Every structure is written in structure tokens, then in C-alpha cells.
N, C-alpha and C. Protein backbone atom coordinates (compact mmCIF):
# COMPACT_ATOMS: atom_id res chain seq x y z
N MET A 1 67.78 -46.51 128.15
CA MET A 1 66.51 -47.22 127.89
C MET A 1 65.65 -46.80 126.92
N LYS A 2 64.56 -47.35 126.35
CA LYS A 2 63.96 -46.87 125.48
C LYS A 2 62.54 -46.94 126.11
N THR A 3 61.72 -45.71 125.96
CA THR A 3 60.45 -45.51 126.72
C THR A 3 59.38 -45.03 125.40
N THR A 4 58.23 -45.74 125.27
CA THR A 4 57.12 -45.06 124.54
C THR A 4 55.88 -44.72 125.45
N LEU A 5 55.53 -43.58 124.99
CA LEU A 5 54.22 -43.29 126.13
C LEU A 5 53.10 -42.71 124.87
N GLN A 6 52.09 -43.40 125.51
CA GLN A 6 50.75 -42.99 124.65
C GLN A 6 50.08 -41.60 125.23
N VAL A 7 49.94 -40.61 124.36
CA VAL A 7 49.38 -39.25 124.83
C VAL A 7 48.31 -39.09 124.20
N GLN A 8 47.66 -37.93 124.81
CA GLN A 8 46.26 -37.53 124.58
C GLN A 8 46.66 -35.88 123.92
N ASN A 9 45.44 -35.65 123.13
CA ASN A 9 45.58 -34.33 122.41
C ASN A 9 46.47 -34.32 121.24
N LEU A 10 47.18 -35.33 120.97
CA LEU A 10 48.16 -35.35 119.79
C LEU A 10 47.27 -35.14 118.49
N LYS A 11 46.97 -34.32 117.81
CA LYS A 11 46.02 -34.07 116.71
C LYS A 11 46.78 -33.80 115.21
N CYS A 12 47.98 -33.20 115.10
CA CYS A 12 48.46 -32.94 113.91
C CYS A 12 49.97 -32.84 113.99
N GLY A 13 50.61 -32.90 112.78
CA GLY A 13 51.95 -32.67 112.76
C GLY A 13 52.56 -31.48 113.45
N GLU A 14 51.73 -30.16 113.62
CA GLU A 14 52.43 -29.38 114.45
C GLU A 14 52.47 -29.57 116.02
N CYS A 15 51.42 -30.36 116.30
CA CYS A 15 51.62 -30.89 117.79
C CYS A 15 52.91 -31.63 118.08
N ALA A 16 53.26 -32.66 116.91
CA ALA A 16 54.14 -33.53 117.21
C ALA A 16 55.26 -32.82 116.91
N LYS A 17 55.57 -31.55 116.29
CA LYS A 17 56.83 -30.97 115.99
C LYS A 17 57.06 -30.20 117.52
N THR A 18 55.83 -29.45 118.14
CA THR A 18 56.06 -28.78 119.34
C THR A 18 56.58 -29.96 120.25
N ILE A 19 55.95 -31.20 120.43
CA ILE A 19 56.52 -32.09 121.55
C ILE A 19 57.99 -32.41 120.95
N SER A 20 58.37 -32.87 120.08
CA SER A 20 59.77 -33.26 119.66
C SER A 20 60.35 -31.98 119.99
N ASN A 21 60.19 -30.87 119.61
CA ASN A 21 61.21 -29.89 120.06
C ASN A 21 61.60 -29.38 121.65
N LYS A 22 60.33 -29.48 122.36
CA LYS A 22 60.50 -29.22 123.62
C LYS A 22 61.40 -30.58 124.37
N LEU A 23 61.01 -31.70 124.15
CA LEU A 23 61.65 -32.78 124.60
C LEU A 23 63.17 -33.05 124.19
N SER A 24 63.49 -32.58 122.94
CA SER A 24 64.94 -32.34 122.55
C SER A 24 65.61 -31.42 123.38
N GLU A 25 64.99 -30.48 123.99
CA GLU A 25 65.81 -29.68 124.64
C GLU A 25 66.10 -30.21 125.97
N ILE A 26 65.59 -31.47 126.50
CA ILE A 26 66.05 -31.95 128.00
C ILE A 26 67.44 -32.63 127.51
N LYS A 27 68.35 -32.36 128.23
CA LYS A 27 69.77 -32.81 127.88
C LYS A 27 69.71 -34.61 128.22
N GLU A 28 69.11 -35.06 128.84
CA GLU A 28 69.19 -36.43 129.47
C GLU A 28 68.26 -37.09 128.33
N ILE A 29 67.52 -36.71 127.31
CA ILE A 29 66.65 -37.37 126.56
C ILE A 29 67.35 -37.28 125.15
N LYS A 30 67.21 -38.39 124.77
CA LYS A 30 67.78 -38.69 123.22
C LYS A 30 66.76 -39.15 122.46
N ASP A 31 67.08 -39.14 120.89
CA ASP A 31 66.14 -39.99 119.91
C ASP A 31 64.54 -39.83 120.12
N VAL A 32 64.24 -38.44 120.11
CA VAL A 32 62.74 -38.45 120.30
C VAL A 32 61.95 -38.81 119.18
N ILE A 33 61.08 -39.61 119.18
CA ILE A 33 60.30 -39.81 117.68
C ILE A 33 59.00 -39.67 118.47
N VAL A 34 57.87 -38.75 117.42
CA VAL A 34 56.70 -38.58 117.85
C VAL A 34 55.86 -39.03 116.65
N GLU A 35 55.03 -40.06 116.70
CA GLU A 35 54.01 -40.88 115.79
C GLU A 35 52.66 -40.19 116.24
N LYS A 36 52.36 -39.38 115.36
CA LYS A 36 50.66 -38.72 115.33
C LYS A 36 49.96 -39.87 115.16
N ASP A 37 50.04 -40.69 114.16
CA ASP A 37 48.94 -41.79 113.82
C ASP A 37 48.72 -42.53 115.10
N SER A 38 49.79 -42.86 116.01
CA SER A 38 49.40 -43.92 117.06
C SER A 38 49.63 -42.95 118.43
N SER A 39 49.53 -41.74 118.41
CA SER A 39 49.70 -40.68 119.50
C SER A 39 50.70 -41.29 120.65
N SER A 40 51.83 -41.66 119.89
CA SER A 40 52.93 -41.99 120.93
C SER A 40 53.97 -41.22 120.85
N VAL A 41 54.85 -41.16 121.81
CA VAL A 41 56.12 -40.67 121.95
C VAL A 41 57.09 -41.45 122.45
N SER A 42 58.11 -41.71 121.85
CA SER A 42 59.34 -42.68 122.09
C SER A 42 60.67 -41.77 122.30
N PHE A 43 61.27 -42.37 123.13
CA PHE A 43 62.36 -41.59 123.52
C PHE A 43 63.62 -42.82 124.29
N ASP A 44 64.86 -42.23 124.17
CA ASP A 44 65.96 -43.01 124.98
C ASP A 44 66.27 -42.02 126.06
N HIS A 45 66.41 -42.79 127.45
CA HIS A 45 66.96 -42.00 128.41
C HIS A 45 67.68 -42.99 129.50
N GLN A 46 68.23 -42.41 130.60
CA GLN A 46 68.94 -43.31 131.35
C GLN A 46 68.37 -43.50 132.56
N SER A 47 67.31 -42.75 133.23
CA SER A 47 66.83 -43.37 134.42
C SER A 47 65.17 -43.26 134.41
N ALA A 48 64.57 -43.57 135.68
CA ALA A 48 63.36 -43.36 135.91
C ALA A 48 62.86 -41.99 135.94
N ASP A 49 63.89 -41.37 136.40
CA ASP A 49 63.71 -39.74 136.79
C ASP A 49 63.45 -39.08 135.35
N ASP A 50 64.31 -39.48 134.38
CA ASP A 50 64.23 -38.89 133.01
C ASP A 50 62.88 -39.03 132.59
N ALA A 51 62.13 -40.39 132.63
CA ALA A 51 61.12 -40.53 131.99
C ALA A 51 60.05 -39.78 132.94
N SER A 52 60.24 -39.57 134.04
CA SER A 52 59.13 -38.85 134.71
C SER A 52 58.87 -37.35 134.39
N LEU A 53 60.61 -36.79 133.98
CA LEU A 53 60.50 -35.62 133.42
C LEU A 53 59.79 -35.35 132.17
N VAL A 54 59.97 -36.41 131.45
CA VAL A 54 59.37 -36.13 130.03
C VAL A 54 57.74 -36.22 130.13
N LYS A 55 57.26 -37.10 131.22
CA LYS A 55 55.80 -37.05 131.38
C LYS A 55 55.37 -35.84 131.71
N GLU A 56 56.12 -35.16 132.80
CA GLU A 56 55.58 -33.94 133.66
C GLU A 56 55.73 -32.71 132.37
N THR A 57 56.55 -32.98 131.31
CA THR A 57 57.02 -31.99 130.31
C THR A 57 55.66 -31.86 129.45
N LEU A 58 55.43 -33.24 129.12
CA LEU A 58 54.06 -33.29 128.23
C LEU A 58 52.69 -32.97 128.86
N ARG A 59 52.80 -33.12 130.12
CA ARG A 59 51.41 -32.62 131.03
C ARG A 59 51.51 -31.00 130.59
N ASN A 60 52.60 -30.48 130.99
CA ASN A 60 52.74 -29.29 130.95
C ASN A 60 52.47 -28.48 129.49
N LEU A 61 52.67 -29.13 128.58
CA LEU A 61 52.33 -28.66 127.19
C LEU A 61 51.02 -29.01 126.86
N GLY A 62 50.27 -29.63 127.60
CA GLY A 62 48.84 -30.04 127.22
C GLY A 62 48.69 -31.39 126.43
N TYR A 63 49.86 -32.35 126.58
CA TYR A 63 49.60 -33.73 125.97
C TYR A 63 50.03 -34.59 127.16
N PRO A 64 49.09 -34.87 128.08
CA PRO A 64 49.18 -35.66 129.14
C PRO A 64 49.14 -37.08 128.57
N THR A 65 49.94 -38.34 129.23
CA THR A 65 49.84 -39.49 129.08
C THR A 65 48.35 -39.93 129.33
N ILE A 66 48.04 -41.21 128.55
CA ILE A 66 46.74 -41.80 128.84
C ILE A 66 46.23 -42.39 130.17
N ASP A 67 47.23 -42.12 131.10
CA ASP A 67 47.04 -42.61 132.38
C ASP A 67 46.77 -41.48 133.30
N ASP A 68 47.20 -39.93 132.48
CA ASP A 68 46.77 -39.00 133.26
C ASP A 68 45.52 -38.17 132.92
N GLU A 69 45.07 -37.38 133.74
CA GLU A 69 43.85 -36.61 133.46
C GLU A 69 44.09 -35.84 132.24
N ASN A 70 42.72 -35.76 131.39
CA ASN A 70 42.54 -34.85 130.30
C ASN A 70 41.50 -33.81 130.39
N GLY A 71 41.76 -32.89 131.32
CA GLY A 71 40.76 -32.06 131.55
C GLY A 71 40.75 -30.78 130.50
N LEU A 72 39.59 -29.85 130.68
CA LEU A 72 39.83 -28.68 129.76
C LEU A 72 41.18 -28.05 129.72
N ILE A 73 41.69 -27.77 131.06
CA ILE A 73 43.15 -27.11 131.00
C ILE A 73 44.20 -27.60 130.05
N GLU A 74 44.04 -29.09 130.16
CA GLU A 74 45.07 -29.52 129.45
C GLU A 74 44.79 -29.76 127.96
N LYS A 75 43.65 -29.54 127.56
CA LYS A 75 43.16 -29.53 126.20
C LYS A 75 43.48 -28.22 125.78
N ALA A 76 43.10 -27.23 126.31
CA ALA A 76 43.78 -25.75 126.32
C ALA A 76 45.15 -25.64 126.03
N LYS A 77 45.61 -26.05 126.97
CA LYS A 77 47.38 -25.89 126.54
C LYS A 77 47.61 -26.48 125.43
N SER A 78 47.17 -27.87 125.03
CA SER A 78 47.66 -28.54 123.64
C SER A 78 47.26 -27.58 122.65
N PHE A 79 46.04 -26.77 122.58
CA PHE A 79 45.87 -25.96 121.54
C PHE A 79 46.76 -25.09 121.50
N VAL A 80 47.12 -24.25 122.28
CA VAL A 80 48.26 -23.24 122.33
C VAL A 80 49.60 -23.99 121.82
N SER A 81 49.82 -25.30 122.38
CA SER A 81 51.04 -25.55 121.93
C SER A 81 51.21 -25.94 120.46
N CYS A 82 50.02 -26.45 119.79
CA CYS A 82 49.77 -26.45 118.59
C CYS A 82 49.82 -25.44 117.76
N ALA A 83 49.30 -24.33 118.14
CA ALA A 83 49.40 -23.03 117.43
C ALA A 83 50.77 -22.52 117.48
N SER A 84 51.55 -22.25 118.54
CA SER A 84 52.95 -21.96 118.46
C SER A 84 53.68 -23.00 117.59
N GLY A 85 53.63 -23.92 117.51
CA GLY A 85 54.27 -25.09 116.52
C GLY A 85 54.06 -24.27 115.31
N LYS A 86 52.88 -23.98 115.03
CA LYS A 86 52.35 -23.57 113.54
C LYS A 86 53.09 -22.25 113.22
N MET A 87 53.32 -21.22 114.49
CA MET A 87 53.83 -20.16 113.94
C MET A 87 55.50 -20.08 114.03
N THR A 88 56.10 -21.24 114.49
CA THR A 88 57.69 -21.46 114.46
C THR A 88 58.09 -22.02 113.14
N ARG A 89 57.40 -22.18 112.15
CA ARG A 89 57.41 -22.86 110.86
C ARG A 89 58.78 -22.16 110.10
């Protein structure tokens, strides 16, 4: 099934690259599409557990979904994730 999540802190192409790379590492997740302009992440998965894993991974990277808390820690994590995406060019 296809799911689209609205995420916070998605500011640039490097953020999108980091999200795409990390989610693509999850074997149950396929066809990851990150849209910077709409702050959305779409992906194919088999179960609700897979979608929950994606939400958890996004939160751990600093890109919580719009229904999750977006405190200072999450914002700092997204900054680090973005910076690491820039260094892996």
C-alpha cells in the first residue's frame, strides 16, 4: 500500500536526500519519494508496522510527522541530518 506523510523541518534538497537514503535502507519500504515543496514523504509498504517504522525513523532523523512534537531536539537532529546529507555529495 502507498502512504504519504507530512513532515516537519524539511527545508532543502539535502534534507530530502537524507530522508530518501535512510528510508531506502529499510527493506520493507519501496519507492520512496520526498517532496521538499510540500514537505511530504511517500512510500510503498506492506503493513501498518512498516509505516510505523518509517514514522519512527523520520522522528529519529529530526523530521517528525505533523502530528508529532517538533521541539528543539527534533529541530537540532534535522539540522545535523541536513548537514550530513551535504557532506555525502
